[in-house]
């Protein structure tokens, strides 16, 4: 039975100082990716990955480029072992390495697009913080309620929006300070286990990021999004992506719409379960292991693990 691989790419928040240094030392192909990104951007990307203080690395304009580079470098290392994806999906920012993996964006274009996305989002977050000093919009994780219940709660509260449908046990909401407070209280009344206000720069994946979406739409105009060459799933729809044009539209909508990760996981699980001719391997390709944990909470995840791949040792073990 042949093996097929599904690549899951992590999003913003996965960054850590020093990430993939061992991968680049062990795999020249990974180091080549870092060097090529430096040439495209004019930045010292190795320094960004390995020497940048964590607080500075956490900025959207730094973390988005760093995480994307790390994911693409790991993918290049995996390719040397004959491991390439037959299906791909990415969480939030992770959609961009997934677009590259699927052949929708070229290597150079995906780097340029991610740089512009990070720059635009950082600027808008700074504007929002300045405009709402001491009372800035943000995000909160609701633990212990199904995502559809959290969506229902948020839909009834002004300034609250379901933003990340992470798992059957965890949904993140975005909103104004007042909207978040009301949604957290309503979630507690509905029986949630707890709420956790997140240390993020802005109300991502909600209508409050419309300015960023407007700017990103203009930035994307020169870029061609080709049709996917492998199976690809969308955060915005939670379904397969079959053409480049909708993928381009979703890249913009992505900033103001929720990440329907639970829907994507189900569609991927259905694909794997229905394929009786191949053995599927699910890999988290990039820094961190958040997506592996979320996959483990799915029905299929109980029998088919998602393996985080972000070290030289982990790649060599495959």
C-alpha atoms as a PDB file:
ATOM      1  CA  UNK A   1       0.000   0.000   0.000  1.00  0.00           C
ATOM      2  CA  UNK A   2       1.428   3.355  -1.057  1.00  0.00           C
ATOM      3  CA  UNK A   3       1.872   6.181   1.414  1.00  0.00           C
ATOM      4  CA  UNK A   4       0.248   9.559   1.006  1.00  0.00           C
ATOM      5  CA  UNK A   5       0.987  12.599   3.115  1.00  0.00           C
ATOM      6  CA  UNK A   6      -1.239  15.389   4.401  1.00  0.00           C
ATOM      7  CA  UNK A   7       0.687  18.513   5.453  1.00  0.00           C
ATOM      8  CA  UNK A   8      -0.803  20.797   8.123  1.00  0.00           C
ATOM      9  CA  UNK A   9       0.913  24.199   8.394  1.00  0.00           C
ATOM     10  CA  UNK A  10       0.784  26.179  11.676  1.00  0.00           C
ATOM     11  CA  UNK A  11      -0.161  29.817  12.039  1.00  0.00           C
ATOM     12  CA  UNK A  12       0.999  32.915  13.864  1.00  0.00           C
ATOM     13  CA  UNK A  13       1.911  32.178  17.458  1.00  0.00           C
ATOM     14  CA  UNK A  14       4.069  29.158  16.597  1.00  0.00           C
ATOM     15  CA  UNK A  15       7.229  31.263  16.333  1.00  0.00           C
ATOM     16  CA  UNK A  16      10.137  30.665  18.716  1.00  0.00           C
ATOM     17  CA  UNK A  17      13.649  32.067  18.727  1.00  0.00           C
ATOM     18  CA  UNK A  18      16.103  29.591  17.218  1.00  0.00           C
ATOM     19  CA  UNK A  19      13.476  27.582  15.345  1.00  0.00           C
ATOM     20  CA  UNK A  20      14.717  25.193  12.604  1.00  0.00           C
ATOM     21  CA  UNK A  21      18.392  26.049  13.144  1.00  0.00           C
ATOM     22  CA  UNK A  22      19.179  22.347  13.565  1.00  0.00           C
ATOM     23  CA  UNK A  23      17.161  21.558  10.427  1.00  0.00           C
ATOM     24  CA  UNK A  24      19.219  24.007   8.381  1.00  0.00           C
ATOM     25  CA  UNK A  25      22.461  22.612   9.797  1.00  0.00           C
ATOM     26  CA  UNK A  26      21.447  19.054   8.879  1.00  0.00           C
ATOM     27  CA  UNK A  27      19.766  19.748   5.526  1.00  0.00           C
ATOM     28  CA  UNK A  28      21.470  22.127   3.027  1.00  0.00           C
ATOM     29  CA  UNK A  29      18.161  22.304   1.138  1.00  0.00           C
ATOM     30  CA  UNK A  30      16.525  23.936   4.181  1.00  0.00           C
ATOM     31  CA  UNK A  31      19.357  26.451   4.524  1.00  0.00           C
ATOM     32  CA  UNK A  32      18.967  27.243   0.825  1.00  0.00           C
ATOM     33  CA  UNK A  33      15.320  28.224   1.475  1.00  0.00           C
ATOM     34  CA  UNK A  34      16.392  30.624   4.236  1.00  0.00           C
ATOM     35  CA  UNK A  35      19.033  32.137   1.939  1.00  0.00           C
ATOM     36  CA  UNK A  36      16.559  32.518  -0.939  1.00  0.00           C
ATOM     37  CA  UNK A  37      14.022  34.244   1.313  1.00  0.00           C
ATOM     38  CA  UNK A  38      16.771  36.649   2.391  1.00  0.00           C
ATOM     39  CA  UNK A  39      17.483  37.478  -1.262  1.00  0.00           C
ATOM     40  CA  UNK A  40      13.805  38.025  -2.073  1.00  0.00           C
ATOM     41  CA  UNK A  41      13.110  40.224   0.951  1.00  0.00           C
ATOM     42  CA  UNK A  42      16.446  41.941   1.441  1.00  0.00           C
ATOM     43  CA  UNK A  43      16.282  40.888   5.098  1.00  0.00           C
ATOM     44  CA  UNK A  44      18.668  38.821   7.198  1.00  0.00           C
ATOM     45  CA  UNK A  45      16.203  35.967   7.607  1.00  0.00           C
ATOM     46  CA  UNK A  46      18.660  33.703   9.428  1.00  0.00           C
ATOM     47  CA  UNK A  47      19.083  36.463  11.992  1.00  0.00           C
ATOM     48  CA  UNK A  48      15.327  36.899  12.168  1.00  0.00           C
ATOM     49  CA  UNK A  49      14.816  33.211  12.903  1.00  0.00           C
ATOM     50  CA  UNK A  50      17.654  32.634  15.319  1.00  0.00           C
ATOM     51  CA  UNK A  51      18.720  35.911  16.950  1.00  0.00           C
ATOM     52  CA  UNK A  52      15.598  38.066  17.227  1.00  0.00           C
ATOM     53  CA  UNK A  53      14.320  38.591  20.805  1.00  0.00           C
ATOM     54  CA  UNK A  54      10.989  36.851  21.309  1.00  0.00           C
ATOM     55  CA  UNK A  55       9.029  40.072  21.851  1.00  0.00           C
ATOM     56  CA  UNK A  56      10.234  41.473  18.534  1.00  0.00           C
ATOM     57  CA  UNK A  57       9.763  38.133  16.787  1.00  0.00           C
ATOM     58  CA  UNK A  58       6.115  38.144  17.920  1.00  0.00           C
ATOM     59  CA  UNK A  59       5.290  41.197  15.776  1.00  0.00           C
ATOM     60  CA  UNK A  60       3.092  40.274  12.811  1.00  0.00           C
ATOM     61  CA  UNK A  61       5.569  41.716  10.326  1.00  0.00           C
ATOM     62  CA  UNK A  62       8.306  39.462  11.737  1.00  0.00           C
ATOM     63  CA  UNK A  63       6.480  36.321  12.847  1.00  0.00           C
ATOM     64  CA  UNK A  64       4.577  35.800   9.608  1.00  0.00           C
ATOM     65  CA  UNK A  65       7.738  35.801   7.498  1.00  0.00           C
ATOM     66  CA  UNK A  66       9.619  33.706  10.063  1.00  0.00           C
ATOM     67  CA  UNK A  67       6.955  30.995  10.355  1.00  0.00           C
ATOM     68  CA  UNK A  68       6.413  30.797   6.607  1.00  0.00           C
ATOM     69  CA  UNK A  69      10.149  30.471   6.002  1.00  0.00           C
ATOM     70  CA  UNK A  70      10.416  27.767   8.668  1.00  0.00           C
ATOM     71  CA  UNK A  71       7.549  25.779   7.170  1.00  0.00           C
ATOM     72  CA  UNK A  72       8.954  25.986   3.643  1.00  0.00           C
ATOM     73  CA  UNK A  73      12.439  25.021   4.866  1.00  0.00           C
ATOM     74  CA  UNK A  74      11.065  21.943   6.628  1.00  0.00           C
ATOM     75  CA  UNK A  75       9.097  21.061   3.504  1.00  0.00           C
ATOM     76  CA  UNK A  76      12.316  21.260   1.458  1.00  0.00           C
ATOM     77  CA  UNK A  77      14.045  18.949   3.939  1.00  0.00           C
ATOM     78  CA  UNK A  78      11.154  16.477   3.761  1.00  0.00           C
ATOM     79  CA  UNK A  79      11.379  16.481  -0.028  1.00  0.00           C
ATOM     80  CA  UNK A  80      14.940  15.105   0.183  1.00  0.00           C
ATOM     81  CA  UNK A  81      13.407  12.024   1.814  1.00  0.00           C
ATOM     82  CA  UNK A  82      10.788  11.693  -0.910  1.00  0.00           C
ATOM     83  CA  UNK A  83       8.052  13.074   1.334  1.00  0.00           C
ATOM     84  CA  UNK A  84       5.718  15.462  -0.505  1.00  0.00           C
ATOM     85  CA  UNK A  85       2.088  16.332   0.198  1.00  0.00           C
ATOM     86  CA  UNK A  86      -0.955  14.905  -1.543  1.00  0.00           C
ATOM     87  CA  UNK A  87      -3.158  17.184   0.571  1.00  0.00           C
ATOM     88  CA  UNK A  88      -2.467  20.410   2.442  1.00  0.00           C
ATOM     89  CA  UNK A  89      -4.147  22.876   4.740  1.00  0.00           C
ATOM     90  CA  UNK A  90      -2.873  25.657   6.953  1.00  0.00           C
ATOM     91  CA  UNK A  91      -4.171  27.383  10.043  1.00  0.00           C
ATOM     92  CA  UNK A  92      -4.589  31.122   9.405  1.00  0.00           C
ATOM     93  CA  UNK A  93      -1.134  32.284   8.216  1.00  0.00           C
ATOM     94  CA  UNK A  94      -0.401  28.607   7.530  1.00  0.00           C
ATOM     95  CA  UNK A  95      -2.649  28.816   4.483  1.00  0.00           C
ATOM     96  CA  UNK A  96       0.153  30.586   2.633  1.00  0.00           C
ATOM     97  CA  UNK A  97       2.740  27.795   2.753  1.00  0.00           C
ATOM     98  CA  UNK A  98      -0.217  25.532   1.898  1.00  0.00           C
ATOM     99  CA  UNK A  99      -0.923  27.671  -1.181  1.00  0.00           C
ATOM    100  CA  UNK A 100       2.701  27.215  -2.209  1.00  0.00           C
ATOM    101  CA  UNK A 101       2.588  23.466  -1.512  1.00  0.00           C
ATOM    102  CA  UNK A 102      -0.474  23.212  -3.756  1.00  0.00           C
ATOM    103  CA  UNK A 103       1.174  25.144  -6.587  1.00  0.00           C
ATOM    104  CA  UNK A 104      -1.238  28.072  -6.319  1.00  0.00           C
ATOM    105  CA  UNK A 105       1.524  30.590  -5.596  1.00  0.00           C
ATOM    106  CA  UNK A 106       5.151  30.459  -6.711  1.00  0.00           C
ATOM    107  CA  UNK A 107       7.925  30.461  -4.107  1.00  0.00           C
ATOM    108  CA  UNK A 108       8.872  34.087  -4.737  1.00  0.00           C
ATOM    109  CA  UNK A 109       5.266  35.240  -4.794  1.00  0.00           C
ATOM    110  CA  UNK A 110       4.285  33.518  -1.555  1.00  0.00           C
ATOM    111  CA  UNK A 111       7.192  35.201   0.237  1.00  0.00           C
ATOM    112  CA  UNK A 112       6.326  38.630  -1.162  1.00  0.00           C
ATOM    113  CA  UNK A 113       2.642  38.169  -0.305  1.00  0.00           C
ATOM    114  CA  UNK A 114       3.378  37.082   3.271  1.00  0.00           C
ATOM    115  CA  UNK A 115       5.679  40.076   3.793  1.00  0.00           C
ATOM    116  CA  UNK A 116       2.913  42.435   2.680  1.00  0.00           C
ATOM    117  CA  UNK A 117       0.296  40.623   4.761  1.00  0.00           C
ATOM    118  CA  UNK A 118       2.413  40.858   7.903  1.00  0.00           C
ATOM    119  CA  UNK A 119       3.237  44.505   7.323  1.00  0.00           C
ATOM    120  CA  UNK A 120      -0.397  45.452   6.718  1.00  0.00           C
ATOM    121  CA  UNK A 121      -1.680  43.519   9.734  1.00  0.00           C
ATOM    122  CA  UNK A 122       0.993  44.975  12.028  1.00  0.00           C
ATOM    123  CA  UNK A 123       0.111  48.518  10.933  1.00  0.00           C
ATOM    124  CA  UNK A 124      -3.633  48.001  11.429  1.00  0.00           C
ATOM    125  CA  UNK A 125      -3.112  46.413  14.854  1.00  0.00           C
ATOM    126  CA  UNK A 126      -1.036  49.415  15.920  1.00  0.00           C
ATOM    127  CA  UNK A 127      -3.765  51.761  14.653  1.00  0.00           C
ATOM    128  CA  UNK A 128      -6.452  49.832  16.541  1.00  0.00           C
ATOM    129  CA  UNK A 129      -4.414  49.896  19.746  1.00  0.00           C
ATOM    130  CA  UNK A 130      -3.820  53.637  19.435  1.00  0.00           C
ATOM    131  CA  UNK A 131      -7.468  54.376  18.712  1.00  0.00           C
ATOM    132  CA  UNK A 132      -8.652  52.291  21.654  1.00  0.00           C
ATOM    133  CA  UNK A 133      -5.938  53.031  24.222  1.00  0.00           C
ATOM    134  CA  UNK A 134      -6.590  51.060  27.397  1.00  0.00           C
ATOM    135  CA  UNK A 135      -9.676  49.403  25.915  1.00  0.00           C
ATOM    136  CA  UNK A 136      -8.391  47.676  22.806  1.00  0.00           C
ATOM    137  CA  UNK A 137     -10.223  44.891  20.946  1.00  0.00           C
ATOM    138  CA  UNK A 138      -8.714  41.437  21.234  1.00  0.00           C
ATOM    139  CA  UNK A 139      -9.439  37.718  21.444  1.00  0.00           C
ATOM    140  CA  UNK A 140     -10.543  35.183  24.034  1.00  0.00           C
ATOM    141  CA  UNK A 141     -10.516  31.384  24.062  1.00  0.00           C
ATOM    142  CA  UNK A 142     -13.713  29.666  25.157  1.00  0.00           C
ATOM    143  CA  UNK A 143     -12.972  26.210  26.528  1.00  0.00           C
ATOM    144  CA  UNK A 144     -15.437  23.400  27.034  1.00  0.00           C
ATOM    145  CA  UNK A 145     -18.230  24.387  24.641  1.00  0.00           C
ATOM    146  CA  UNK A 146     -18.798  23.064  21.092  1.00  0.00           C
ATOM    147  CA  UNK A 147     -17.963  25.575  18.343  1.00  0.00           C
ATOM    148  CA  UNK A 148     -21.548  25.877  17.128  1.00  0.00           C
ATOM    149  CA  UNK A 149     -22.624  26.979  20.617  1.00  0.00           C
ATOM    150  CA  UNK A 150     -19.900  29.627  20.756  1.00  0.00           C
ATOM    151  CA  UNK A 151     -20.916  30.840  17.302  1.00  0.00           C
ATOM    152  CA  UNK A 152     -24.500  31.128  18.534  1.00  0.00           C
ATOM    153  CA  UNK A 153     -23.420  33.115  21.600  1.00  0.00           C
ATOM    154  CA  UNK A 154     -21.222  35.499  19.602  1.00  0.00           C
ATOM    155  CA  UNK A 155     -23.936  36.073  16.996  1.00  0.00           C
ATOM    156  CA  UNK A 156     -26.201  37.573  19.661  1.00  0.00           C
ATOM    157  CA  UNK A 157     -23.651  40.045  21.045  1.00  0.00           C
ATOM    158  CA  UNK A 158     -22.587  43.285  19.366  1.00  0.00           C
ATOM    159  CA  UNK A 159     -18.844  43.414  18.891  1.00  0.00           C
ATOM    160  CA  UNK A 160     -18.231  39.676  19.393  1.00  0.00           C
ATOM    161  CA  UNK A 161     -17.338  37.225  16.637  1.00  0.00           C
ATOM    162  CA  UNK A 162     -16.391  33.543  16.439  1.00  0.00           C
ATOM    163  CA  UNK A 163     -12.859  33.719  15.022  1.00  0.00           C
ATOM    164  CA  UNK A 164     -11.043  30.380  15.315  1.00  0.00           C
ATOM    165  CA  UNK A 165     -13.067  27.150  15.395  1.00  0.00           C
ATOM    166  CA  UNK A 166     -10.155  25.135  16.734  1.00  0.00           C
ATOM    167  CA  UNK A 167     -11.713  21.939  18.057  1.00  0.00           C
ATOM    168  CA  UNK A 168     -14.812  20.440  19.628  1.00  0.00           C
ATOM    169  CA  UNK A 169     -13.522  21.778  22.953  1.00  0.00           C
ATOM    170  CA  UNK A 170     -12.010  25.136  22.027  1.00  0.00           C
ATOM    171  CA  UNK A 171     -13.227  28.146  20.062  1.00  0.00           C
ATOM    172  CA  UNK A 172     -11.609  31.579  19.994  1.00  0.00           C
ATOM    173  CA  UNK A 173     -13.714  34.715  19.752  1.00  0.00           C
ATOM    174  CA  UNK A 174     -12.575  38.154  18.632  1.00  0.00           C
ATOM    175  CA  UNK A 175     -14.203  41.439  19.454  1.00  0.00           C
ATOM    176  CA  UNK A 176     -14.290  44.800  21.140  1.00  0.00           C
ATOM    177  CA  UNK A 177     -13.389  44.943  24.823  1.00  0.00           C
ATOM    178  CA  UNK A 178     -17.082  45.230  25.716  1.00  0.00           C
ATOM    179  CA  UNK A 179     -18.117  42.504  23.274  1.00  0.00           C
ATOM    180  CA  UNK A 180     -15.521  40.083  24.619  1.00  0.00           C
ATOM    181  CA  UNK A 181     -16.567  40.695  28.218  1.00  0.00           C
ATOM    182  CA  UNK A 182     -20.227  40.046  27.408  1.00  0.00           C
ATOM    183  CA  UNK A 183     -19.418  36.931  25.347  1.00  0.00           C
ATOM    184  CA  UNK A 184     -17.205  35.517  28.092  1.00  0.00           C
ATOM    185  CA  UNK A 185     -19.995  35.992  30.628  1.00  0.00           C
ATOM    186  CA  UNK A 186     -22.558  34.393  28.314  1.00  0.00           C
ATOM    187  CA  UNK A 187     -20.214  31.447  27.703  1.00  0.00           C
ATOM    188  CA  UNK A 188     -19.820  30.901  31.447  1.00  0.00           C
ATOM    189  CA  UNK A 189     -23.590  30.957  31.868  1.00  0.00           C
ATOM    190  CA  UNK A 190     -23.819  28.354  29.066  1.00  0.00           C
ATOM    191  CA  UNK A 191     -21.498  26.046  30.996  1.00  0.00           C
ATOM    192  CA  UNK A 192     -18.061  26.574  29.484  1.00  0.00           C
ATOM    193  CA  UNK A 193     -15.135  25.247  31.503  1.00  0.00           C
ATOM    194  CA  UNK A 194     -13.276  28.557  31.429  1.00  0.00           C
ATOM    195  CA  UNK A 195     -12.359  31.553  29.293  1.00  0.00           C
ATOM    196  CA  UNK A 196      -8.843  32.769  28.591  1.00  0.00           C
ATOM    197  CA  UNK A 197      -8.141  36.287  27.318  1.00  0.00           C
ATOM    198  CA  UNK A 198      -5.345  35.928  24.760  1.00  0.00           C
ATOM    199  CA  UNK A 199      -2.210  38.066  24.498  1.00  0.00           C
ATOM    200  CA  UNK A 200      -2.616  38.982  20.829  1.00  0.00           C
ATOM    201  CA  UNK A 201      -2.060  42.187  18.895  1.00  0.00           C
ATOM    202  CA  UNK A 202      -5.560  42.488  17.471  1.00  0.00           C
ATOM    203  CA  UNK A 203      -9.035  41.028  16.850  1.00  0.00           C
ATOM    204  CA  UNK A 204      -7.940  38.665  14.079  1.00  0.00           C
ATOM    205  CA  UNK A 205     -10.403  36.888  11.769  1.00  0.00           C
ATOM    206  CA  UNK A 206     -13.234  39.294  12.532  1.00  0.00           C
ATOM    207  CA  UNK A 207     -14.882  42.272  10.790  1.00  0.00           C
ATOM    208  CA  UNK A 208     -12.786  44.523  13.040  1.00  0.00           C
ATOM    209  CA  UNK A 209      -9.860  43.748  10.701  1.00  0.00           C
ATOM    210  CA  UNK A 210     -11.629  45.142   7.626  1.00  0.00           C
ATOM    211  CA  UNK A 211      -8.975  47.817   7.081  1.00  0.00           C
ATOM    212  CA  UNK A 212      -6.348  45.104   6.819  1.00  0.00           C
ATOM    213  CA  UNK A 213      -8.492  43.165   4.339  1.00  0.00           C
ATOM    214  CA  UNK A 214      -8.950  46.285   2.208  1.00  0.00           C
ATOM    215  CA  UNK A 215      -5.221  46.913   2.124  1.00  0.00           C
ATOM    216  CA  UNK A 216      -4.378  43.277   1.427  1.00  0.00           C
ATOM    217  CA  UNK A 217      -6.859  43.111  -1.447  1.00  0.00           C
ATOM    218  CA  UNK A 218      -4.998  45.932  -3.182  1.00  0.00           C
ATOM    219  CA  UNK A 219      -1.638  44.310  -2.418  1.00  0.00           C
ATOM    220  CA  UNK A 220      -2.752  41.016  -4.004  1.00  0.00           C
ATOM    221  CA  UNK A 221      -3.908  42.532  -7.293  1.00  0.00           C
ATOM    222  CA  UNK A 222      -0.623  41.914  -9.202  1.00  0.00           C
ATOM    223  CA  UNK A 223      -0.357  38.265  -8.157  1.00  0.00           C
ATOM    224  CA  UNK A 224      -1.612  35.246 -10.107  1.00  0.00           C
ATOM    225  CA  UNK A 225      -3.231  32.434  -8.116  1.00  0.00           C
ATOM    226  CA  UNK A 226      -3.073  29.223 -10.174  1.00  0.00           C
ATOM    227  CA  UNK A 227      -5.395  26.242  -9.781  1.00  0.00           C
ATOM    228  CA  UNK A 228      -4.229  23.758  -7.111  1.00  0.00           C
ATOM    229  CA  UNK A 229      -2.209  20.710  -8.152  1.00  0.00           C
ATOM    230  CA  UNK A 230      -2.990  18.739  -4.986  1.00  0.00           C
ATOM    231  CA  UNK A 231      -5.952  18.599  -2.608  1.00  0.00           C
ATOM    232  CA  UNK A 232      -6.177  21.857  -0.656  1.00  0.00           C
ATOM    233  CA  UNK A 233      -8.635  23.041   1.981  1.00  0.00           C
ATOM    234  CA  UNK A 234      -9.785  26.569   2.845  1.00  0.00           C
ATOM    235  CA  UNK A 235     -10.095  28.211   6.267  1.00  0.00           C
ATOM    236  CA  UNK A 236     -12.876  30.440   4.970  1.00  0.00           C
ATOM    237  CA  UNK A 237     -15.150  27.720   3.569  1.00  0.00           C
ATOM    238  CA  UNK A 238     -13.873  24.672   5.433  1.00  0.00           C
ATOM    239  CA  UNK A 239     -14.006  22.867   2.077  1.00  0.00           C
ATOM    240  CA  UNK A 240     -11.786  21.915  -0.843  1.00  0.00           C
ATOM    241  CA  UNK A 241     -10.240  24.621  -3.007  1.00  0.00           C
ATOM    242  CA  UNK A 242     -10.549  23.742  -6.690  1.00  0.00           C
ATOM    243  CA  UNK A 243      -9.587  26.972  -8.490  1.00  0.00           C
ATOM    244  CA  UNK A 244      -7.112  29.805  -8.091  1.00  0.00           C
ATOM    245  CA  UNK A 245      -9.581  32.695  -8.322  1.00  0.00           C
ATOM    246  CA  UNK A 246     -11.632  31.648  -5.260  1.00  0.00           C
ATOM    247  CA  UNK A 247      -8.367  31.004  -3.406  1.00  0.00           C
ATOM    248  CA  UNK A 248      -7.329  34.608  -4.070  1.00  0.00           C
ATOM    249  CA  UNK A 249     -10.673  35.945  -2.855  1.00  0.00           C
ATOM    250  CA  UNK A 250     -10.468  33.768   0.252  1.00  0.00           C
ATOM    251  CA  UNK A 251      -6.988  35.098   1.035  1.00  0.00           C
ATOM    252  CA  UNK A 252      -8.615  38.493   1.551  1.00  0.00           C
ATOM    253  CA  UNK A 253     -11.792  37.239   3.256  1.00  0.00           C
ATOM    254  CA  UNK A 254      -9.521  35.246   5.522  1.00  0.00           C
ATOM    255  CA  UNK A 255      -8.680  38.378   7.514  1.00  0.00           C
ATOM    256  CA  UNK A 256     -12.284  39.094   8.468  1.00  0.00           C
ATOM    257  CA  UNK A 257     -13.815  35.607   8.517  1.00  0.00           C
ATOM    258  CA  UNK A 258     -13.412  32.772  11.022  1.00  0.00           C
ATOM    259  CA  UNK A 259     -10.913  29.940  10.629  1.00  0.00           C
ATOM    260  CA  UNK A 260     -13.156  26.908  10.136  1.00  0.00           C
ATOM    261  CA  UNK A 261     -10.486  24.452  11.207  1.00  0.00           C
ATOM    262  CA  UNK A 262     -12.865  21.831  12.585  1.00  0.00           C
ATOM    263  CA  UNK A 263     -14.627  21.723   9.202  1.00  0.00           C
ATOM    264  CA  UNK A 264     -11.312  21.314   7.366  1.00  0.00           C
ATOM    265  CA  UNK A 265     -10.239  18.522   9.686  1.00  0.00           C
ATOM    266  CA  UNK A 266     -13.503  16.686   9.015  1.00  0.00           C
ATOM    267  CA  UNK A 267     -13.164  16.980   5.239  1.00  0.00           C
ATOM    268  CA  UNK A 268      -9.570  15.735   5.436  1.00  0.00           C
ATOM    269  CA  UNK A 269     -10.624  12.889   7.737  1.00  0.00           C
ATOM    270  CA  UNK A 270     -13.380  11.902   5.284  1.00  0.00           C
ATOM    271  CA  UNK A 271     -10.854  11.907   2.429  1.00  0.00           C
ATOM    272  CA  UNK A 272      -8.442   9.688   4.366  1.00  0.00           C
ATOM    273  CA  UNK A 273     -11.152   7.322   5.600  1.00  0.00           C
ATOM    274  CA  UNK A 274     -12.578   6.837   2.109  1.00  0.00           C
ATOM    275  CA  UNK A 275      -9.190   6.080   0.537  1.00  0.00           C
ATOM    276  CA  UNK A 276      -8.793   2.315   0.856  1.00  0.00           C
ATOM    277  CA  UNK A 277      -5.862   2.109  -1.564  1.00  0.00           C
ATOM    278  CA  UNK A 278      -3.329   4.240   0.323  1.00  0.00           C
ATOM    279  CA  UNK A 279      -1.857   4.609   3.782  1.00  0.00           C
ATOM    280  CA  UNK A 280      -2.116   8.239   4.895  1.00  0.00           C
ATOM    281  CA  UNK A 281       0.379  10.014   7.147  1.00  0.00           C
ATOM    282  CA  UNK A 282      -0.577  13.372   8.704  1.00  0.00           C
ATOM    283  CA  UNK A 283       2.294  15.763   9.468  1.00  0.00           C
ATOM    284  CA  UNK A 284       2.385  19.188  11.116  1.00  0.00           C
ATOM    285  CA  UNK A 285       5.010  20.931   8.985  1.00  0.00           C
ATOM    286  CA  UNK A 286       6.370  23.946  10.826  1.00  0.00           C
ATOM    287  CA  UNK A 287       7.239  25.182  14.305  1.00  0.00           C
ATOM    288  CA  UNK A 288       5.206  24.039  17.300  1.00  0.00           C
ATOM    289  CA  UNK A 289       2.715  21.234  17.801  1.00  0.00           C
ATOM    290  CA  UNK A 290      -0.629  22.989  18.290  1.00  0.00           C
ATOM    291  CA  UNK A 291      -2.243  21.481  15.196  1.00  0.00           C
ATOM    292  CA  UNK A 292      -1.176  17.980  16.197  1.00  0.00           C
ATOM    293  CA  UNK A 293      -2.990  18.487  19.480  1.00  0.00           C
ATOM    294  CA  UNK A 294      -6.132  19.748  17.767  1.00  0.00           C
ATOM    295  CA  UNK A 295      -6.072  16.820  15.329  1.00  0.00           C
ATOM    296  CA  UNK A 296      -5.842  14.475  18.303  1.00  0.00           C
ATOM    297  CA  UNK A 297      -9.236  15.744  19.474  1.00  0.00           C
ATOM    298  CA  UNK A 298     -10.938  14.617  16.243  1.00  0.00           C
ATOM    299  CA  UNK A 299     -12.604  11.255  15.781  1.00  0.00           C
ATOM    300  CA  UNK A 300      -9.967  10.052  13.311  1.00  0.00           C
ATOM    301  CA  UNK A 301      -7.185  11.535  15.430  1.00  0.00           C
ATOM    302  CA  UNK A 302      -7.848   8.885  18.074  1.00  0.00           C
ATOM    303  CA  UNK A 303      -6.439   6.236  15.712  1.00  0.00           C
ATOM    304  CA  UNK A 304      -4.314   8.251  13.254  1.00  0.00           C
ATOM    305  CA  UNK A 305      -1.960  10.704  14.938  1.00  0.00           C
ATOM    306  CA  UNK A 306      -0.658  13.924  13.432  1.00  0.00           C
ATOM    307  CA  UNK A 307       3.119  14.080  13.911  1.00  0.00           C
ATOM    308  CA  UNK A 308       4.778  17.474  14.453  1.00  0.00           C
ATOM    309  CA  UNK A 309       7.843  17.800  12.222  1.00  0.00           C
ATOM    310  CA  UNK A 310      10.112  20.693  13.180  1.00  0.00           C
ATOM    311  CA  UNK A 311      13.506  19.242  14.102  1.00  0.00           C
ATOM    312  CA  UNK A 312      16.293  17.533  12.176  1.00  0.00           C
ATOM    313  CA  UNK A 313      15.880  14.460  14.341  1.00  0.00           C
ATOM    314  CA  UNK A 314      12.160  14.318  13.616  1.00  0.00           C
ATOM    315  CA  UNK A 315      12.688  14.599   9.881  1.00  0.00           C
ATOM    316  CA  UNK A 316      15.395  11.941   9.871  1.00  0.00           C
ATOM    317  CA  UNK A 317      13.125   9.590  11.817  1.00  0.00           C
ATOM    318  CA  UNK A 318      10.453   9.591   9.107  1.00  0.00           C
END
